[in-house]
Amino acid sequence: MTAAPSSVRPADAPDQPRADIRNAPAIASEALLKGQSVVTIEHKGIRYRLQETRAGKLILTK
């Protein structure tokens, strides 16, 4: 059996094409956090929490 081409998406995938991460603009985490360890991001009416851990990693939660 051969693997499916990368352009094939699962049936439940949105109709929008996937963004290619290699061509996506980068935003520094410092620009989002602005010296804080937690910020709220609102996306399509839903609030998300972006938090930097003590280990310097990022966690995004709904």
N, C-alpha and C. Protein backbone atom coordinates (compact mmCIF):
# COMPACT_ATOMS: atom_id res chain seq x y z
N MET A 1 0.82 -1.19 0.00
CA MET A 1 0.00 0.00 0.00
C MET A 1 0.86 1.24 0.00
N THR A 2 0.41 2.28 -0.70
CA THR A 2 1.17 3.53 -0.74
C THR A 2 0.48 4.57 0.12
N ALA A 3 1.25 5.51 0.59
CA ALA A 3 0.72 6.58 1.44
C ALA A 3 -0.09 7.55 0.59
N ALA A 4 -1.09 8.15 1.18
CA ALA A 4 -1.92 9.13 0.48
C ALA A 4 -1.12 10.40 0.26
N PRO A 5 -1.36 11.08 -0.85
CA PRO A 5 -0.65 12.35 -1.09
C PRO A 5 -0.94 13.34 0.03
N SER A 6 0.01 14.24 0.28
CA SER A 6 -0.15 15.20 1.37
C SER A 6 -1.28 16.18 1.14
N SER A 7 -1.73 16.33 -0.13
CA SER A 7 -2.81 17.26 -0.40
C SER A 7 -4.18 16.69 -0.05
N VAL A 8 -4.25 15.38 0.23
CA VAL A 8 -5.52 14.75 0.59
C VAL A 8 -5.78 15.02 2.06
N ARG A 9 -7.01 15.49 2.35
CA ARG A 9 -7.38 15.80 3.72
C ARG A 9 -8.46 14.85 4.18
N PRO A 10 -8.58 14.62 5.50
CA PRO A 10 -9.68 13.80 6.00
C PRO A 10 -11.02 14.41 5.64
N ALA A 11 -12.06 13.58 5.61
CA ALA A 11 -13.40 14.04 5.23
C ALA A 11 -13.91 15.14 6.14
N ASP A 12 -13.48 15.16 7.40
CA ASP A 12 -13.98 16.17 8.34
C ASP A 12 -13.13 17.44 8.35
N ALA A 13 -12.16 17.54 7.44
CA ALA A 13 -11.31 18.74 7.39
C ALA A 13 -12.10 19.90 6.81
N PRO A 14 -11.80 21.12 7.24
CA PRO A 14 -12.50 22.29 6.69
C PRO A 14 -12.21 22.45 5.21
N ASP A 15 -13.06 23.20 4.52
CA ASP A 15 -12.91 23.41 3.08
C ASP A 15 -11.74 24.31 2.74
N GLN A 16 -11.21 25.02 3.73
CA GLN A 16 -10.09 25.92 3.48
C GLN A 16 -8.80 25.13 3.35
N PRO A 17 -7.90 25.55 2.44
CA PRO A 17 -6.63 24.84 2.32
C PRO A 17 -5.78 25.05 3.56
N ARG A 18 -4.96 24.07 3.85
CA ARG A 18 -4.06 24.17 5.00
C ARG A 18 -2.96 25.18 4.70
N ALA A 19 -2.59 25.95 5.70
CA ALA A 19 -1.50 26.91 5.55
C ALA A 19 -0.18 26.15 5.57
N ASP A 20 0.71 26.50 4.68
CA ASP A 20 2.04 25.89 4.65
C ASP A 20 2.90 26.62 5.66
N ILE A 21 3.31 25.94 6.71
CA ILE A 21 4.05 26.59 7.81
C ILE A 21 5.37 27.20 7.32
N ARG A 22 5.93 26.66 6.26
CA ARG A 22 7.19 27.21 5.76
C ARG A 22 7.01 28.60 5.18
N ASN A 23 5.81 28.93 4.71
CA ASN A 23 5.56 30.23 4.10
C ASN A 23 4.76 31.16 5.02
N ALA A 24 4.38 30.67 6.19
CA ALA A 24 3.57 31.47 7.11
C ALA A 24 4.44 32.54 7.78
N PRO A 25 3.89 33.75 7.97
CA PRO A 25 4.67 34.78 8.66
C PRO A 25 4.90 34.38 10.12
N ALA A 26 6.05 34.72 10.65
CA ALA A 26 6.38 34.40 12.04
C ALA A 26 6.18 35.64 12.91
N ILE A 27 5.60 35.43 14.08
CA ILE A 27 5.44 36.49 15.08
C ILE A 27 6.17 36.03 16.33
N ALA A 28 7.11 36.82 16.80
CA ALA A 28 7.86 36.46 18.00
C ALA A 28 6.93 36.38 19.20
N SER A 29 7.12 35.39 20.03
CA SER A 29 6.28 35.22 21.22
C SER A 29 6.36 36.45 22.12
N GLU A 30 7.51 37.11 22.14
CA GLU A 30 7.65 38.33 22.94
C GLU A 30 6.69 39.42 22.48
N ALA A 31 6.41 39.45 21.17
CA ALA A 31 5.48 40.44 20.64
C ALA A 31 4.05 40.17 21.11
N LEU A 32 3.72 38.91 21.31
CA LEU A 32 2.38 38.55 21.80
C LEU A 32 2.28 38.73 23.31
N LEU A 33 3.30 38.27 24.03
CA LEU A 33 3.25 38.28 25.49
C LEU A 33 3.56 39.65 26.09
N LYS A 34 4.38 40.44 25.41
CA LYS A 34 4.73 41.80 25.87
C LYS A 34 5.09 41.86 27.35
N GLY A 35 5.97 40.95 27.77
CA GLY A 35 6.47 40.96 29.15
C GLY A 35 5.58 40.22 30.14
N GLN A 36 4.42 39.77 29.71
CA GLN A 36 3.51 39.03 30.60
C GLN A 36 3.75 37.53 30.41
N SER A 37 3.32 36.73 31.36
CA SER A 37 3.43 35.29 31.20
C SER A 37 2.15 34.68 30.62
N VAL A 38 1.05 35.44 30.64
CA VAL A 38 -0.24 34.95 30.13
C VAL A 38 -0.93 36.06 29.35
N VAL A 39 -1.48 35.71 28.17
CA VAL A 39 -2.31 36.64 27.41
C VAL A 39 -3.55 35.88 26.93
N THR A 40 -4.60 36.63 26.65
CA THR A 40 -5.82 36.06 26.10
C THR A 40 -5.88 36.42 24.63
N ILE A 41 -6.17 35.41 23.80
CA ILE A 41 -6.31 35.61 22.36
C ILE A 41 -7.75 35.29 22.01
N GLU A 42 -8.41 36.21 21.33
CA GLU A 42 -9.78 35.94 20.89
C GLU A 42 -9.75 35.59 19.41
N HIS A 43 -10.35 34.45 19.09
CA HIS A 43 -10.39 33.96 17.71
C HIS A 43 -11.80 33.49 17.39
N LYS A 44 -12.45 34.16 16.46
CA LYS A 44 -13.81 33.82 16.03
C LYS A 44 -14.77 33.75 17.21
N GLY A 45 -14.63 34.72 18.12
CA GLY A 45 -15.53 34.81 19.27
C GLY A 45 -15.20 33.88 20.42
N ILE A 46 -14.15 33.10 20.31
CA ILE A 46 -13.75 32.18 21.37
C ILE A 46 -12.45 32.67 21.96
N ARG A 47 -12.38 32.68 23.29
CA ARG A 47 -11.16 33.14 23.97
C ARG A 47 -10.25 31.96 24.29
N TYR A 48 -8.97 32.18 23.99
CA TYR A 48 -7.92 31.20 24.27
C TYR A 48 -6.91 31.85 25.20
N ARG A 49 -6.21 31.04 25.95
CA ARG A 49 -5.19 31.52 26.88
C ARG A 49 -3.83 31.01 26.39
N LEU A 50 -2.92 31.93 26.14
CA LEU A 50 -1.55 31.58 25.77
C LEU A 50 -0.68 31.86 26.97
N GLN A 51 -0.01 30.82 27.45
CA GLN A 51 0.79 30.93 28.68
C GLN A 51 2.19 30.41 28.45
N GLU A 52 3.16 31.17 28.95
CA GLU A 52 4.55 30.71 28.94
C GLU A 52 4.82 30.01 30.26
N THR A 53 5.38 28.81 30.20
CA THR A 53 5.68 28.06 31.41
C THR A 53 7.01 28.51 32.00
N ARG A 54 7.29 28.05 33.19
CA ARG A 54 8.59 28.37 33.82
C ARG A 54 9.75 27.83 33.01
N ALA A 55 9.49 26.75 32.27
CA ALA A 55 10.53 26.14 31.43
C ALA A 55 10.68 26.85 30.09
N GLY A 56 9.87 27.91 29.85
CA GLY A 56 9.98 28.68 28.63
C GLY A 56 9.18 28.12 27.46
N LYS A 57 8.31 27.15 27.72
CA LYS A 57 7.47 26.60 26.67
C LYS A 57 6.14 27.34 26.65
N LEU A 58 5.39 27.18 25.53
CA LEU A 58 4.09 27.83 25.40
C LEU A 58 2.97 26.81 25.46
N ILE A 59 1.88 27.20 26.15
CA ILE A 59 0.69 26.36 26.23
C ILE A 59 -0.48 27.21 25.77
N LEU A 60 -1.28 26.69 24.84
CA LEU A 60 -2.48 27.36 24.36
C LEU A 60 -3.68 26.52 24.79
N THR A 61 -4.58 27.12 25.58
CA THR A 61 -5.75 26.39 26.06
C THR A 61 -7.01 27.19 25.75
N LYS A 62 -8.10 26.47 25.65
CA LYS A 62 -9.39 27.07 25.36
C LYS A 62 -10.03 27.50 26.64
